[in-house]
Amino acid sequence: MNVLDEFKNYKRKFIQISHRTAILMHIFEKSDDDFEDIILSDHEEYYKQNHNINIYKEAANQFFKQFEGNECLCFVECLRDKCNEMLEEHKDKVQKLKPNKDEKHI
């Protein structure tokens, strides 16, 4: 499939975050040297100077900052519920991969 076909078949919808506001997120994935780094976390000097910064916590904070105060609590609650659902699914998958303590492995 060529790039034009991928673009034409791409089904993205706006995400409604309040009764008056919608967003369309852009996801960037760093791959080799396709574009400039958008995050400093993979640079050794960044970690040397900021080793106590949790990049994922900061990313979550930035996610909400980018709503610029336009989110509604209903959206936040639904987002929380979806996150909890994903975390439970992951927890179940991990649990299934763990060996059963009652089984003896030779």
C-alpha atoms as a PDB file:
ATOM      1  CA  MET A   1       0.000   0.000   0.000  1.00  0.00           C
ATOM      2  CA  ASN A   2       1.407   3.382  -0.903  1.00  0.00           C
ATOM      3  CA  VAL A   3       1.384   6.461   1.330  1.00  0.00           C
ATOM      4  CA  LEU A   4      -1.520   8.097  -0.490  1.00  0.00           C
ATOM      5  CA  ASP A   5      -3.696   4.989  -0.046  1.00  0.00           C
ATOM      6  CA  GLU A   6      -2.794   4.850   3.642  1.00  0.00           C
ATOM      7  CA  PHE A   7      -3.782   8.504   4.044  1.00  0.00           C
ATOM      8  CA  LYS A   8      -7.103   8.045   2.221  1.00  0.00           C
ATOM      9  CA  ASN A   9      -7.978   4.980   4.327  1.00  0.00           C
ATOM     10  CA  TYR A  10      -6.947   6.565   7.621  1.00  0.00           C
ATOM     11  CA  LYS A  11      -9.951   6.786   9.940  1.00  0.00           C
ATOM     12  CA  ARG A  12      -9.196   9.268  12.710  1.00  0.00           C
ATOM     13  CA  LYS A  13     -11.916  11.154  14.476  1.00  0.00           C
ATOM     14  CA  PHE A  14     -11.808  14.204  16.681  1.00  0.00           C
ATOM     15  CA  ILE A  15     -11.737  13.488  20.418  1.00  0.00           C
ATOM     16  CA  GLN A  16     -14.405  15.511  22.179  1.00  0.00           C
ATOM     17  CA  ILE A  17     -13.085  16.744  25.524  1.00  0.00           C
ATOM     18  CA  SER A  18     -15.963  19.080  26.403  1.00  0.00           C
ATOM     19  CA  HIS A  19     -19.262  20.201  24.910  1.00  0.00           C
ATOM     20  CA  ARG A  20     -17.418  22.887  22.917  1.00  0.00           C
ATOM     21  CA  THR A  21     -13.946  21.460  22.381  1.00  0.00           C
ATOM     22  CA  ALA A  22     -12.443  18.626  20.379  1.00  0.00           C
ATOM     23  CA  ILE A  23      -8.836  17.642  19.790  1.00  0.00           C
ATOM     24  CA  LEU A  24      -6.978  15.682  17.166  1.00  0.00           C
ATOM     25  CA  MET A  25      -3.765  14.227  18.513  1.00  0.00           C
ATOM     26  CA  HIS A  26      -0.611  13.767  16.517  1.00  0.00           C
ATOM     27  CA  ILE A  27       1.539  10.792  17.417  1.00  0.00           C
ATOM     28  CA  PHE A  28       5.218  10.974  16.527  1.00  0.00           C
ATOM     29  CA  GLU A  29       7.405   7.907  16.618  1.00  0.00           C
ATOM     30  CA  LYS A  30      11.140   8.308  16.427  1.00  0.00           C
ATOM     31  CA  SER A  31      12.676   5.913  13.960  1.00  0.00           C
ATOM     32  CA  ASP A  32      16.371   6.096  13.184  1.00  0.00           C
ATOM     33  CA  ASP A  33      17.036   9.611  11.899  1.00  0.00           C
ATOM     34  CA  ASP A  34      13.718  10.276  10.173  1.00  0.00           C
ATOM     35  CA  PHE A  35      13.129  13.460  12.122  1.00  0.00           C
ATOM     36  CA  GLU A  36      14.666  15.397  14.966  1.00  0.00           C
ATOM     37  CA  ASP A  37      14.351  14.040  18.490  1.00  0.00           C
ATOM     38  CA  ILE A  38      11.178  15.228  20.167  1.00  0.00           C
ATOM     39  CA  ILE A  39      12.168  14.035  23.632  1.00  0.00           C
ATOM     40  CA  LEU A  40      15.435  14.257  25.475  1.00  0.00           C
ATOM     41  CA  SER A  41      14.974  11.154  27.605  1.00  0.00           C
ATOM     42  CA  ASP A  42      17.253   8.988  25.484  1.00  0.00           C
ATOM     43  CA  HIS A  43      20.186  11.363  25.866  1.00  0.00           C
ATOM     44  CA  GLU A  44      22.662  10.478  28.588  1.00  0.00           C
ATOM     45  CA  GLU A  45      23.283  14.121  29.562  1.00  0.00           C
ATOM     46  CA  TYR A  46      19.571  14.629  30.178  1.00  0.00           C
ATOM     47  CA  TYR A  47      19.541  11.798  32.697  1.00  0.00           C
ATOM     48  CA  LYS A  48      22.745  12.983  34.372  1.00  0.00           C
ATOM     49  CA  GLN A  49      21.204  16.379  35.078  1.00  0.00           C
ATOM     50  CA  ASN A  50      17.590  15.312  35.662  1.00  0.00           C
ATOM     51  CA  HIS A  51      17.761  11.767  37.028  1.00  0.00           C
ATOM     52  CA  ASN A  52      14.926  12.412  39.489  1.00  0.00           C
ATOM     53  CA  ILE A  53      12.399  13.490  36.843  1.00  0.00           C
ATOM     54  CA  ASN A  54       9.793  10.869  36.017  1.00  0.00           C
ATOM     55  CA  ILE A  55       9.308  11.379  32.270  1.00  0.00           C
ATOM     56  CA  TYR A  56       6.045   9.436  32.223  1.00  0.00           C
ATOM     57  CA  LYS A  57       4.529  11.482  35.035  1.00  0.00           C
ATOM     58  CA  GLU A  58       5.595  14.650  33.249  1.00  0.00           C
ATOM     59  CA  ALA A  59       4.133  13.313  29.993  1.00  0.00           C
ATOM     60  CA  ALA A  60       0.788  12.681  31.727  1.00  0.00           C
ATOM     61  CA  ASN A  61       0.845  16.211  33.156  1.00  0.00           C
ATOM     62  CA  GLN A  62       1.653  17.623  29.722  1.00  0.00           C
ATOM     63  CA  PHE A  63      -1.221  15.619  28.207  1.00  0.00           C
ATOM     64  CA  PHE A  64      -3.708  17.408  30.447  1.00  0.00           C
ATOM     65  CA  LYS A  65      -2.001  20.790  30.096  1.00  0.00           C
ATOM     66  CA  GLN A  66      -2.563  20.570  26.353  1.00  0.00           C
ATOM     67  CA  PHE A  67      -6.333  20.485  26.930  1.00  0.00           C
ATOM     68  CA  GLU A  68      -5.785  24.103  28.011  1.00  0.00           C
ATOM     69  CA  GLY A  69      -8.588  23.902  30.574  1.00  0.00           C
ATOM     70  CA  ASN A  70     -11.196  22.746  28.041  1.00  0.00           C
ATOM     71  CA  GLU A  71     -11.697  19.205  29.326  1.00  0.00           C
ATOM     72  CA  CYS A  72     -14.842  18.223  31.197  1.00  0.00           C
ATOM     73  CA  LEU A  73     -14.978  15.850  34.164  1.00  0.00           C
ATOM     74  CA  CYS A  74     -17.127  13.379  32.230  1.00  0.00           C
ATOM     75  CA  PHE A  75     -14.335  13.019  29.664  1.00  0.00           C
ATOM     76  CA  VAL A  76     -11.724  12.661  32.423  1.00  0.00           C
ATOM     77  CA  GLU A  77     -13.829   9.970  34.152  1.00  0.00           C
ATOM     78  CA  CYS A  78     -14.246   8.044  30.884  1.00  0.00           C
ATOM     79  CA  LEU A  79     -10.523   8.349  30.214  1.00  0.00           C
ATOM     80  CA  ARG A  80      -9.787   7.042  33.720  1.00  0.00           C
ATOM     81  CA  ASP A  81     -12.165   4.106  33.203  1.00  0.00           C
ATOM     82  CA  LYS A  82     -10.507   3.220  29.888  1.00  0.00           C
ATOM     83  CA  CYS A  83      -7.055   3.441  31.492  1.00  0.00           C
ATOM     84  CA  ASN A  84      -8.189   1.186  34.347  1.00  0.00           C
ATOM     85  CA  GLU A  85      -9.608  -1.287  31.828  1.00  0.00           C
ATOM     86  CA  MET A  86      -6.309  -1.375  29.918  1.00  0.00           C
ATOM     87  CA  LEU A  87      -4.331  -1.827  33.147  1.00  0.00           C
ATOM     88  CA  GLU A  88      -6.570  -4.717  34.229  1.00  0.00           C
ATOM     89  CA  GLU A  89      -6.205  -6.416  30.835  1.00  0.00           C
ATOM     90  CA  HIS A  90      -2.431  -6.062  31.086  1.00  0.00           C
ATOM     91  CA  LYS A  91      -2.443  -7.397  34.650  1.00  0.00           C
ATOM     92  CA  ASP A  92      -4.485 -10.436  33.524  1.00  0.00           C
ATOM     93  CA  LYS A  93      -2.078 -11.134  30.639  1.00  0.00           C
ATOM     94  CA  VAL A  94       0.940 -10.918  32.955  1.00  0.00           C
ATOM     95  CA  GLN A  95      -0.761 -13.185  35.494  1.00  0.00           C
ATOM     96  CA  LYS A  96      -1.424 -15.811  32.794  1.00  0.00           C
ATOM     97  CA  LEU A  97       2.260 -15.792  31.847  1.00  0.00           C
ATOM     98  CA  LYS A  98       3.444 -16.472  35.391  1.00  0.00           C
ATOM     99  CA  PRO A  99       4.056 -20.129  36.200  1.00  0.00           C
ATOM    100  CA  ASN A 100       1.555 -21.773  38.516  1.00  0.00           C
ATOM    101  CA  LYS A 101       3.111 -22.176  41.991  1.00  0.00           C
ATOM    102  CA  ASP A 102       1.383 -25.552  42.453  1.00  0.00           C
ATOM    103  CA  GLU A 103       2.930 -27.019  39.324  1.00  0.00           C
ATOM    104  CA  LYS A 104       6.360 -28.576  39.622  1.00  0.00           C
ATOM    105  CA  HIS A 105       8.764 -27.678  36.845  1.00  0.00           C
ATOM    106  CA  ILE A 106      11.548 -30.048  36.028  1.00  0.00           C
END
